[in-house]
Amino acid sequence: MQDLCRYIEAHSDKILTLEHLAKQAHLSPAHLQRRFKAAIGISPREYAESCRLKKLKTGLRQQASVTNAIYDAGFASSSRVYERVDSRLGMTPKQYRAQGKGVVISYAASKTPLGYVLMGATGRGLCFIQFGDDKEALVAQLEAEYPQATVQPMGKTHKEQFAAWMQALSDYLRGATDVLDLPLDIRGTAFQLKVWKYLQTIPASSIASYTEVARAIGNPKAVRAVASACAGNCIAIAIPCHRVIRGNGDLAGYRWGLKRKRALLDLERKAKPRA
């Protein structure tokens, strides 16, 4: 299956049907589908699409033309890209190529028991929830993600919406509820999205090991990849990577610090269940 992955990566600009890939692997299409998903965690089609997306992202930075980047990446038409890929980039291909130029990201920060928290949102939802000890440093992190985007403080137009999101987070962090329901604008690879989606199913006050997560997504050998996906999460709490620990019970790493991870787990154990 690893060899087939390399084949898909090398030919991601071409139409790769399941039947074609099955011949390469000397398996029936149905058998290949099962074997590939068990080994890699996603289907051959999803893997090929993630490869195209990766190539598109590189091409959008390097190609002189957005259209050329789209077709070189193996997409059949520009309309198909705009229908499906903009949600994965968090913006349209043109905007991504311009490092977020034309995209407005509004943000608001608040002091919490775990330090400052900064929320950043596009028109699709929250794309950034991060903790830190310094508000300006958090804003700099947000600006570094898309240096050409218009990153601005929350304005009057969205004041009530941001206030509601901050209140929901505040209620969560003081243990008034064990549910944090926020609209998210999530961007990542197919594998990352699969991991993050599963993390959102882990109930508050529960934990899972990296091995258990890998098994749950159908890829028991991808323990290190699961850990990497957790480390790449930029939406704290709402995508609860803090609920994933090592198999021996150690907390392992947390991009916002083990002290915060331990505090979140303790808080969730004591939180009031939502009625």
C-alpha atoms as a PDB file:
ATOM      1  CA  MET A   1       0.000   0.000   0.000  1.00  0.00           C
ATOM      2  CA  GLN A   2       2.942   2.327   0.657  1.00  0.00           C
ATOM      3  CA  ASP A   3       4.197   1.637  -2.864  1.00  0.00           C
ATOM      4  CA  LEU A   4       0.754   2.471  -4.206  1.00  0.00           C
ATOM      5  CA  CYS A   5       0.819   5.737  -2.273  1.00  0.00           C
ATOM      6  CA  ARG A   6       4.074   6.651  -4.005  1.00  0.00           C
ATOM      7  CA  TYR A   7       2.458   5.764  -7.351  1.00  0.00           C
ATOM      8  CA  ILE A   8      -0.537   8.003  -6.613  1.00  0.00           C
ATOM      9  CA  GLU A   9       1.761  10.851  -5.583  1.00  0.00           C
ATOM     10  CA  ALA A  10       3.751  10.544  -8.816  1.00  0.00           C
ATOM     11  CA  HIS A  11       0.608  10.413 -10.984  1.00  0.00           C
ATOM     12  CA  SER A  12      -1.782  12.636  -9.027  1.00  0.00           C
ATOM     13  CA  ASP A  13      -2.145  14.936 -12.043  1.00  0.00           C
ATOM     14  CA  LYS A  14      -3.870  12.096 -13.922  1.00  0.00           C
ATOM     15  CA  ILE A  15      -7.282  10.487 -13.514  1.00  0.00           C
ATOM     16  CA  LEU A  16      -6.672   7.441 -11.327  1.00  0.00           C
ATOM     17  CA  THR A  17      -9.703   5.185 -11.190  1.00  0.00           C
ATOM     18  CA  LEU A  18     -10.048   2.493  -8.559  1.00  0.00           C
ATOM     19  CA  GLU A  19      -9.891  -0.088 -11.341  1.00  0.00           C
ATOM     20  CA  HIS A  20      -6.614   1.362 -12.627  1.00  0.00           C
ATOM     21  CA  LEU A  21      -5.062   1.370  -9.154  1.00  0.00           C
ATOM     22  CA  ALA A  22      -6.322  -2.173  -8.524  1.00  0.00           C
ATOM     23  CA  LYS A  23      -4.390  -3.374 -11.583  1.00  0.00           C
ATOM     24  CA  GLN A  24      -1.257  -1.681 -10.279  1.00  0.00           C
ATOM     25  CA  ALA A  25      -1.678  -3.480  -6.958  1.00  0.00           C
ATOM     26  CA  HIS A  26      -2.754  -6.802  -8.535  1.00  0.00           C
ATOM     27  CA  LEU A  27      -5.926  -6.797  -6.440  1.00  0.00           C
ATOM     28  CA  SER A  28      -9.630  -6.567  -7.111  1.00  0.00           C
ATOM     29  CA  PRO A  29     -11.073  -3.031  -6.760  1.00  0.00           C
ATOM     30  CA  ALA A  30     -13.115  -3.998  -3.683  1.00  0.00           C
ATOM     31  CA  HIS A  31     -10.135  -5.697  -2.037  1.00  0.00           C
ATOM     32  CA  LEU A  32      -7.896  -2.734  -2.789  1.00  0.00           C
ATOM     33  CA  GLN A  33     -10.427  -0.303  -1.309  1.00  0.00           C
ATOM     34  CA  ARG A  34     -10.511  -2.274   1.954  1.00  0.00           C
ATOM     35  CA  ARG A  35      -6.745  -2.877   2.126  1.00  0.00           C
ATOM     36  CA  PHE A  36      -5.850   0.729   1.334  1.00  0.00           C
ATOM     37  CA  LYS A  37      -8.253   2.228   3.841  1.00  0.00           C
ATOM     38  CA  ALA A  38      -7.102  -0.186   6.547  1.00  0.00           C
ATOM     39  CA  ALA A  39      -3.442   0.668   5.936  1.00  0.00           C
ATOM     40  CA  ILE A  40      -3.612   4.386   5.143  1.00  0.00           C
ATOM     41  CA  GLY A  41      -6.777   5.484   6.915  1.00  0.00           C
ATOM     42  CA  ILE A  42      -8.516   7.045   3.912  1.00  0.00           C
ATOM     43  CA  SER A  43      -9.688   5.797   0.512  1.00  0.00           C
ATOM     44  CA  PRO A  44      -7.475   5.858  -2.623  1.00  0.00           C
ATOM     45  CA  ARG A  45      -9.688   8.636  -4.020  1.00  0.00           C
ATOM     46  CA  GLU A  46      -9.276  10.748  -0.877  1.00  0.00           C
ATOM     47  CA  TYR A  47      -5.530  10.173  -0.897  1.00  0.00           C
ATOM     48  CA  ALA A  48      -5.272  11.201  -4.556  1.00  0.00           C
ATOM     49  CA  GLU A  49      -7.307  14.326  -3.845  1.00  0.00           C
ATOM     50  CA  SER A  50      -5.055  15.261  -0.939  1.00  0.00           C
ATOM     51  CA  CYS A  51      -2.047  14.863  -3.269  1.00  0.00           C
ATOM     52  CA  ARG A  52      -3.690  17.113  -5.859  1.00  0.00           C
ATOM     53  CA  LEU A  53      -4.453  19.680  -3.194  1.00  0.00           C
ATOM     54  CA  LYS A  54      -0.838  19.639  -2.003  1.00  0.00           C
ATOM     55  CA  LYS A  55       0.377  20.079  -5.587  1.00  0.00           C
ATOM     56  CA  LEU A  56      -2.177  22.833  -6.168  1.00  0.00           C
ATOM     57  CA  LYS A  57      -1.032  24.727  -3.068  1.00  0.00           C
ATOM     58  CA  THR A  58       2.578  24.572  -4.294  1.00  0.00           C
ATOM     59  CA  GLY A  59       1.551  25.561  -7.819  1.00  0.00           C
ATOM     60  CA  LEU A  60      -0.497  28.506  -6.639  1.00  0.00           C
ATOM     61  CA  ARG A  61       2.626  29.897  -5.000  1.00  0.00           C
ATOM     62  CA  GLN A  62       4.897  29.241  -8.011  1.00  0.00           C
ATOM     63  CA  GLN A  63       2.859  29.334 -11.217  1.00  0.00           C
ATOM     64  CA  ALA A  64       2.283  32.554 -13.098  1.00  0.00           C
ATOM     65  CA  SER A  65      -1.332  31.548 -13.729  1.00  0.00           C
ATOM     66  CA  VAL A  66      -3.977  30.215 -11.359  1.00  0.00           C
ATOM     67  CA  THR A  67      -5.488  28.269 -14.267  1.00  0.00           C
ATOM     68  CA  ASN A  68      -2.172  26.589 -15.039  1.00  0.00           C
ATOM     69  CA  ALA A  69      -1.743  25.605 -11.391  1.00  0.00           C
ATOM     70  CA  ILE A  70      -5.228  24.095 -11.327  1.00  0.00           C
ATOM     71  CA  TYR A  71      -4.730  21.963 -14.443  1.00  0.00           C
ATOM     72  CA  ASP A  72      -1.140  21.001 -13.596  1.00  0.00           C
ATOM     73  CA  ALA A  73      -2.389  19.681 -10.271  1.00  0.00           C
ATOM     74  CA  GLY A  74      -4.728  17.334 -12.123  1.00  0.00           C
ATOM     75  CA  PHE A  75      -8.101  19.002 -11.620  1.00  0.00           C
ATOM     76  CA  ALA A  76     -10.413  18.574 -14.595  1.00  0.00           C
ATOM     77  CA  SER A  77     -11.903  22.056 -14.450  1.00  0.00           C
ATOM     78  CA  SER A  78     -11.514  25.303 -12.545  1.00  0.00           C
ATOM     79  CA  SER A  79     -15.193  25.271 -11.567  1.00  0.00           C
ATOM     80  CA  ARG A  80     -14.710  21.922  -9.812  1.00  0.00           C
ATOM     81  CA  VAL A  81     -11.811  23.370  -7.850  1.00  0.00           C
ATOM     82  CA  TYR A  82     -13.807  26.368  -6.719  1.00  0.00           C
ATOM     83  CA  GLU A  83     -16.720  24.116  -5.716  1.00  0.00           C
ATOM     84  CA  ARG A  84     -14.672  21.700  -3.608  1.00  0.00           C
ATOM     85  CA  VAL A  85     -11.208  23.018  -2.829  1.00  0.00           C
ATOM     86  CA  ASP A  86     -11.873  26.467  -1.408  1.00  0.00           C
ATOM     87  CA  SER A  87     -13.273  24.915   1.782  1.00  0.00           C
ATOM     88  CA  ARG A  88      -9.997  22.975   2.183  1.00  0.00           C
ATOM     89  CA  LEU A  89      -7.832  26.058   1.581  1.00  0.00           C
ATOM     90  CA  GLY A  90     -10.050  28.252   3.735  1.00  0.00           C
ATOM     91  CA  MET A  91     -10.330  30.632   0.777  1.00  0.00           C
ATOM     92  CA  THR A  92     -10.466  30.604  -3.015  1.00  0.00           C
ATOM     93  CA  PRO A  93      -7.405  29.453  -5.011  1.00  0.00           C
ATOM     94  CA  LYS A  94      -6.691  33.041  -6.115  1.00  0.00           C
ATOM     95  CA  GLN A  95      -6.819  34.258  -2.544  1.00  0.00           C
ATOM     96  CA  TYR A  96      -4.549  31.430  -1.381  1.00  0.00           C
ATOM     97  CA  ARG A  97      -2.055  32.187  -4.148  1.00  0.00           C
ATOM     98  CA  ALA A  98      -1.981  35.778  -2.902  1.00  0.00           C
ATOM     99  CA  GLN A  99      -1.303  34.524   0.650  1.00  0.00           C
ATOM    100  CA  GLY A 100      -4.785  35.493   1.738  1.00  0.00           C
ATOM    101  CA  LYS A 101      -5.038  38.770  -0.145  1.00  0.00           C
ATOM    102  CA  GLY A 102      -8.680  39.820  -0.225  1.00  0.00           C
ATOM    103  CA  VAL A 103      -9.587  37.627   2.757  1.00  0.00           C
ATOM    104  CA  VAL A 104     -10.723  39.373   5.906  1.00  0.00           C
ATOM    105  CA  ILE A 105      -9.919  37.635   9.183  1.00  0.00           C
ATOM    106  CA  SER A 106     -11.393  39.296  12.243  1.00  0.00           C
ATOM    107  CA  TYR A 107     -10.046  38.523  15.669  1.00  0.00           C
ATOM    108  CA  ALA A 108     -10.754  39.142  19.323  1.00  0.00           C
ATOM    109  CA  ALA A 109      -8.721  38.295  22.409  1.00  0.00           C
ATOM    110  CA  SER A 110      -9.675  37.728  26.002  1.00  0.00           C
ATOM    111  CA  LYS A 111      -7.947  36.931  29.266  1.00  0.00           C
ATOM    112  CA  THR A 112      -8.821  33.483  30.636  1.00  0.00           C
ATOM    113  CA  PRO A 113      -7.619  31.288  33.514  1.00  0.00           C
ATOM    114  CA  LEU A 114      -5.318  29.632  30.950  1.00  0.00           C
ATOM    115  CA  GLY A 115      -3.814  32.882  29.693  1.00  0.00           C
ATOM    116  CA  TYR A 116      -4.836  34.951  26.705  1.00  0.00           C
ATOM    117  CA  VAL A 117      -6.994  33.294  24.070  1.00  0.00           C
ATOM    118  CA  LEU A 118      -7.313  34.711  20.580  1.00  0.00           C
ATOM    119  CA  MET A 119     -10.099  33.792  18.170  1.00  0.00           C
ATOM    120  CA  GLY A 120      -9.801  34.481  14.441  1.00  0.00           C
ATOM    121  CA  ALA A 121     -12.664  34.008  12.006  1.00  0.00           C
ATOM    122  CA  THR A 122     -13.267  34.120   8.268  1.00  0.00           C
ATOM    123  CA  GLY A 123     -16.726  34.292   6.753  1.00  0.00           C
ATOM    124  CA  ARG A 124     -16.939  30.499   7.164  1.00  0.00           C
ATOM    125  CA  GLY A 125     -16.269  30.352  10.880  1.00  0.00           C
ATOM    126  CA  LEU A 126     -13.446  30.214  13.392  1.00  0.00           C
ATOM    127  CA  CYS A 127     -10.109  29.295  11.822  1.00  0.00           C
ATOM    128  CA  PHE A 128      -7.890  30.125  14.784  1.00  0.00           C
ATOM    129  CA  ILE A 129      -8.290  29.555  18.540  1.00  0.00           C
ATOM    130  CA  GLN A 130      -4.980  29.672  20.362  1.00  0.00           C
ATOM    131  CA  PHE A 131      -3.668  30.286  23.847  1.00  0.00           C
ATOM    132  CA  GLY A 132      -0.644  32.328  24.784  1.00  0.00           C
ATOM    133  CA  ASP A 133       0.885  34.573  27.387  1.00  0.00           C
ATOM    134  CA  ASP A 134       1.034  37.608  25.124  1.00  0.00           C
ATOM    135  CA  LYS A 135      -1.815  39.003  23.020  1.00  0.00           C
ATOM    136  CA  GLU A 136       0.477  40.669  20.482  1.00  0.00           C
ATOM    137  CA  ALA A 137       2.353  37.405  19.912  1.00  0.00           C
ATOM    138  CA  LEU A 138      -0.927  35.621  19.195  1.00  0.00           C
ATOM    139  CA  VAL A 139      -1.918  38.280  16.673  1.00  0.00           C
ATOM    140  CA  ALA A 140       1.514  37.898  15.039  1.00  0.00           C
ATOM    141  CA  GLN A 141       0.938  34.135  14.729  1.00  0.00           C
ATOM    142  CA  LEU A 142      -2.390  34.760  13.019  1.00  0.00           C
ATOM    143  CA  GLU A 143      -0.850  37.295  10.637  1.00  0.00           C
ATOM    144  CA  ALA A 144       2.015  34.940   9.786  1.00  0.00           C
ATOM    145  CA  GLU A 145      -0.413  32.271   8.535  1.00  0.00           C
ATOM    146  CA  TYR A 146      -1.677  34.536   5.717  1.00  0.00           C
ATOM    147  CA  PRO A 147       0.576  37.598   5.508  1.00  0.00           C
ATOM    148  CA  GLN A 148      -1.472  39.207   2.729  1.00  0.00           C
ATOM    149  CA  ALA A 149      -4.863  38.771   4.409  1.00  0.00           C
ATOM    150  CA  THR A 150      -6.590  41.657   6.097  1.00  0.00           C
ATOM    151  CA  VAL A 151      -6.231  40.711   9.740  1.00  0.00           C
ATOM    152  CA  GLN A 152      -8.175  43.137  11.845  1.00  0.00           C
ATOM    153  CA  PRO A 153      -9.683  43.482  15.310  1.00  0.00           C
ATOM    154  CA  MET A 154     -13.291  42.446  15.631  1.00  0.00           C
ATOM    155  CA  GLY A 155     -15.497  45.265  14.372  1.00  0.00           C
ATOM    156  CA  LYS A 156     -18.885  46.497  15.453  1.00  0.00           C
ATOM    157  CA  THR A 157     -20.613  44.423  12.778  1.00  0.00           C
ATOM    158  CA  HIS A 158     -19.512  41.152  14.379  1.00  0.00           C
ATOM    159  CA  LYS A 159     -19.326  42.343  17.963  1.00  0.00           C
ATOM    160  CA  GLU A 160     -22.328  40.360  19.170  1.00  0.00           C
ATOM    161  CA  GLN A 161     -21.218  37.192  17.378  1.00  0.00           C
ATOM    162  CA  PHE A 162     -17.716  37.284  18.803  1.00  0.00           C
ATOM    163  CA  ALA A 163     -19.111  38.115  22.234  1.00  0.00           C
ATOM    164  CA  ALA A 164     -21.308  35.005  22.039  1.00  0.00           C
ATOM    165  CA  TRP A 165     -18.333  32.830  21.030  1.00  0.00           C
ATOM    166  CA  MET A 166     -16.184  34.254  23.810  1.00  0.00           C
ATOM    167  CA  GLN A 167     -18.979  33.708  26.315  1.00  0.00           C
ATOM    168  CA  ALA A 168     -19.333  30.087  25.205  1.00  0.00           C
ATOM    169  CA  LEU A 169     -15.585  29.600  25.687  1.00  0.00           C
ATOM    170  CA  SER A 170     -15.688  31.353  29.054  1.00  0.00           C
ATOM    171  CA  ASP A 171     -18.546  29.133  30.234  1.00  0.00           C
ATOM    172  CA  TYR A 172     -16.560  26.093  29.154  1.00  0.00           C
ATOM    173  CA  LEU A 173     -13.365  27.181  30.893  1.00  0.00           C
ATOM    174  CA  ARG A 174     -15.156  27.841  34.186  1.00  0.00           C
ATOM    175  CA  GLY A 175     -16.806  24.414  34.082  1.00  0.00           C
ATOM    176  CA  ALA A 176     -20.361  25.663  33.553  1.00  0.00           C
ATOM    177  CA  THR A 177     -20.802  23.269  30.619  1.00  0.00           C
ATOM    178  CA  ASP A 178     -18.988  20.302  29.120  1.00  0.00           C
ATOM    179  CA  VAL A 179     -19.912  21.202  25.533  1.00  0.00           C
ATOM    180  CA  LEU A 180     -18.241  23.820  23.319  1.00  0.00           C
ATOM    181  CA  ASP A 181     -20.253  24.268  20.133  1.00  0.00           C
ATOM    182  CA  LEU A 182     -18.638  26.749  17.762  1.00  0.00           C
ATOM    183  CA  PRO A 183     -18.753  27.171  13.952  1.00  0.00           C
ATOM    184  CA  LEU A 184     -15.375  26.205  12.530  1.00  0.00           C
ATOM    185  CA  ASP A 185     -13.478  26.876   9.322  1.00  0.00           C
ATOM    186  CA  ILE A 186     -11.154  23.865   9.349  1.00  0.00           C
ATOM    187  CA  ARG A 187      -8.319  23.478   6.833  1.00  0.00           C
ATOM    188  CA  GLY A 188      -5.949  20.552   6.546  1.00  0.00           C
ATOM    189  CA  THR A 189      -4.941  17.450   4.627  1.00  0.00           C
ATOM    190  CA  ALA A 190      -7.372  14.568   4.203  1.00  0.00           C
ATOM    191  CA  PHE A 191      -5.602  12.656   6.972  1.00  0.00           C
ATOM    192  CA  GLN A 192      -5.581  15.614   9.360  1.00  0.00           C
ATOM    193  CA  LEU A 193      -9.272  16.228   8.766  1.00  0.00           C
ATOM    194  CA  LYS A 194      -9.985  12.574   9.482  1.00  0.00           C
ATOM    195  CA  VAL A 195      -8.092  12.723  12.774  1.00  0.00           C
ATOM    196  CA  TRP A 196      -9.618  16.042  13.826  1.00  0.00           C
ATOM    197  CA  LYS A 197     -13.108  14.853  13.008  1.00  0.00           C
ATOM    198  CA  TYR A 198     -12.596  11.826  15.238  1.00  0.00           C
ATOM    199  CA  LEU A 199     -11.186  13.954  18.065  1.00  0.00           C
ATOM    200  CA  GLN A 200     -14.434  15.918  18.060  1.00  0.00           C
ATOM    201  CA  THR A 201     -16.292  12.701  18.916  1.00  0.00           C
ATOM    202  CA  ILE A 202     -14.281  12.080  22.105  1.00  0.00           C
ATOM    203  CA  PRO A 203     -16.567  13.185  24.955  1.00  0.00           C
ATOM    204  CA  ALA A 204     -15.433  15.727  27.504  1.00  0.00           C
ATOM    205  CA  SER A 205     -13.842  14.095  30.572  1.00  0.00           C
ATOM    206  CA  SER A 206     -12.745  11.182  28.353  1.00  0.00           C
ATOM    207  CA  ILE A 207      -9.306  10.503  26.922  1.00  0.00           C
ATOM    208  CA  ALA A 208      -7.834   8.321  24.191  1.00  0.00           C
ATOM    209  CA  SER A 209      -4.317   7.240  23.365  1.00  0.00           C
ATOM    210  CA  TYR A 210      -2.655   7.997  20.033  1.00  0.00           C
ATOM    211  CA  THR A 211      -2.833   4.273  19.314  1.00  0.00           C
ATOM    212  CA  GLU A 212      -6.574   4.176  20.032  1.00  0.00           C
ATOM    213  CA  VAL A 213      -7.172   7.124  17.730  1.00  0.00           C
ATOM    214  CA  ALA A 214      -5.169   5.465  14.959  1.00  0.00           C
ATOM    215  CA  ARG A 215      -7.234   2.296  15.333  1.00  0.00           C
ATOM    216  CA  ALA A 216     -10.498   4.233  15.454  1.00  0.00           C
ATOM    217  CA  ILE A 217      -9.821   5.930  12.118  1.00  0.00           C
ATOM    218  CA  GLY A 218      -8.950   2.579  10.548  1.00  0.00           C
ATOM    219  CA  ASN A 219      -5.175   3.055  10.402  1.00  0.00           C
ATOM    220  CA  PRO A 220      -3.601   1.318  13.407  1.00  0.00           C
ATOM    221  CA  LYS A 221      -0.044   1.831  12.158  1.00  0.00           C
ATOM    222  CA  ALA A 222      -0.379   5.613  11.840  1.00  0.00           C
ATOM    223  CA  VAL A 223       0.301   6.437  15.509  1.00  0.00           C
ATOM    224  CA  ARG A 224       3.047   8.946  14.743  1.00  0.00           C
ATOM    225  CA  ALA A 225       0.938  10.533  11.995  1.00  0.00           C
ATOM    226  CA  VAL A 226      -1.928  10.924  14.473  1.00  0.00           C
ATOM    227  CA  ALA A 227       0.435  12.659  16.910  1.00  0.00           C
ATOM    228  CA  SER A 228       1.580  14.946  14.097  1.00  0.00           C
ATOM    229  CA  ALA A 229      -2.019  15.800  13.197  1.00  0.00           C
ATOM    230  CA  CYS A 230      -2.698  16.676  16.839  1.00  0.00           C
ATOM    231  CA  ALA A 231       0.370  18.912  16.892  1.00  0.00           C
ATOM    232  CA  GLY A 232      -0.801  20.634  13.700  1.00  0.00           C
ATOM    233  CA  ASN A 233      -4.182  21.574  15.118  1.00  0.00           C
ATOM    234  CA  CYS A 234      -4.593  25.366  15.387  1.00  0.00           C
ATOM    235  CA  ILE A 235      -8.119  25.340  16.831  1.00  0.00           C
ATOM    236  CA  ALA A 236      -7.685  24.651  20.526  1.00  0.00           C
ATOM    237  CA  ILE A 237     -10.422  22.976  22.614  1.00  0.00           C
ATOM    238  CA  ALA A 238     -13.032  22.966  19.809  1.00  0.00           C
ATOM    239  CA  ILE A 239     -10.818  20.298  18.199  1.00  0.00           C
ATOM    240  CA  PRO A 240      -9.864  18.626  21.484  1.00  0.00           C
ATOM    241  CA  CYS A 241      -6.378  17.304  20.865  1.00  0.00           C
ATOM    242  CA  HIS A 242      -5.772  17.783  24.596  1.00  0.00           C
ATOM    243  CA  ARG A 243      -7.821  14.598  25.155  1.00  0.00           C
ATOM    244  CA  VAL A 244      -5.175  12.456  23.448  1.00  0.00           C
ATOM    245  CA  ILE A 245      -2.383  11.021  25.601  1.00  0.00           C
ATOM    246  CA  ARG A 246       0.280   8.337  25.393  1.00  0.00           C
ATOM    247  CA  GLY A 247      -0.677   4.713  25.896  1.00  0.00           C
ATOM    248  CA  ASN A 248       1.267   4.567  29.175  1.00  0.00           C
ATOM    249  CA  GLY A 249      -0.823   7.385  30.646  1.00  0.00           C
ATOM    250  CA  ASP A 250       1.696  10.202  30.121  1.00  0.00           C
ATOM    251  CA  LEU A 251       0.190  13.440  28.858  1.00  0.00           C
ATOM    252  CA  ALA A 252       2.689  13.647  25.955  1.00  0.00           C
ATOM    253  CA  GLY A 253       3.018  17.013  24.204  1.00  0.00           C
ATOM    254  CA  TYR A 254       0.624  19.904  23.722  1.00  0.00           C
ATOM    255  CA  ARG A 255       1.412  22.903  21.550  1.00  0.00           C
ATOM    256  CA  TRP A 256       0.022  25.252  24.205  1.00  0.00           C
ATOM    257  CA  GLY A 257       1.938  23.638  27.062  1.00  0.00           C
ATOM    258  CA  LEU A 258       1.419  20.626  29.313  1.00  0.00           C
ATOM    259  CA  LYS A 259       0.231  22.865  32.142  1.00  0.00           C
ATOM    260  CA  ARG A 260      -2.738  23.956  30.028  1.00  0.00           C
ATOM    261  CA  LYS A 261      -3.387  20.388  28.856  1.00  0.00           C
ATOM    262  CA  ARG A 262      -3.504  19.133  32.449  1.00  0.00           C
ATOM    263  CA  ALA A 263      -5.747  22.047  33.466  1.00  0.00           C
ATOM    264  CA  LEU A 264      -8.189  21.337  30.627  1.00  0.00           C
ATOM    265  CA  LEU A 265      -8.447  17.658  31.505  1.00  0.00           C
ATOM    266  CA  ASP A 266      -8.993  18.464  35.189  1.00  0.00           C
ATOM    267  CA  LEU A 267     -11.573  21.093  34.299  1.00  0.00           C
ATOM    268  CA  GLU A 268     -13.508  18.712  32.048  1.00  0.00           C
ATOM    269  CA  ARG A 269     -13.683  16.061  34.734  1.00  0.00           C
ATOM    270  CA  LYS A 270     -15.393  18.569  37.018  1.00  0.00           C
ATOM    271  CA  ALA A 271     -17.532  20.352  34.409  1.00  0.00           C
ATOM    272  CA  LYS A 272     -21.294  20.432  34.662  1.00  0.00           C
ATOM    273  CA  PRO A 273     -22.840  18.143  32.004  1.00  0.00           C
ATOM    274  CA  ARG A 274     -25.131  19.899  29.570  1.00  0.00           C
ATOM    275  CA  ALA A 275     -28.778  19.109  30.379  1.00  0.00           C
END
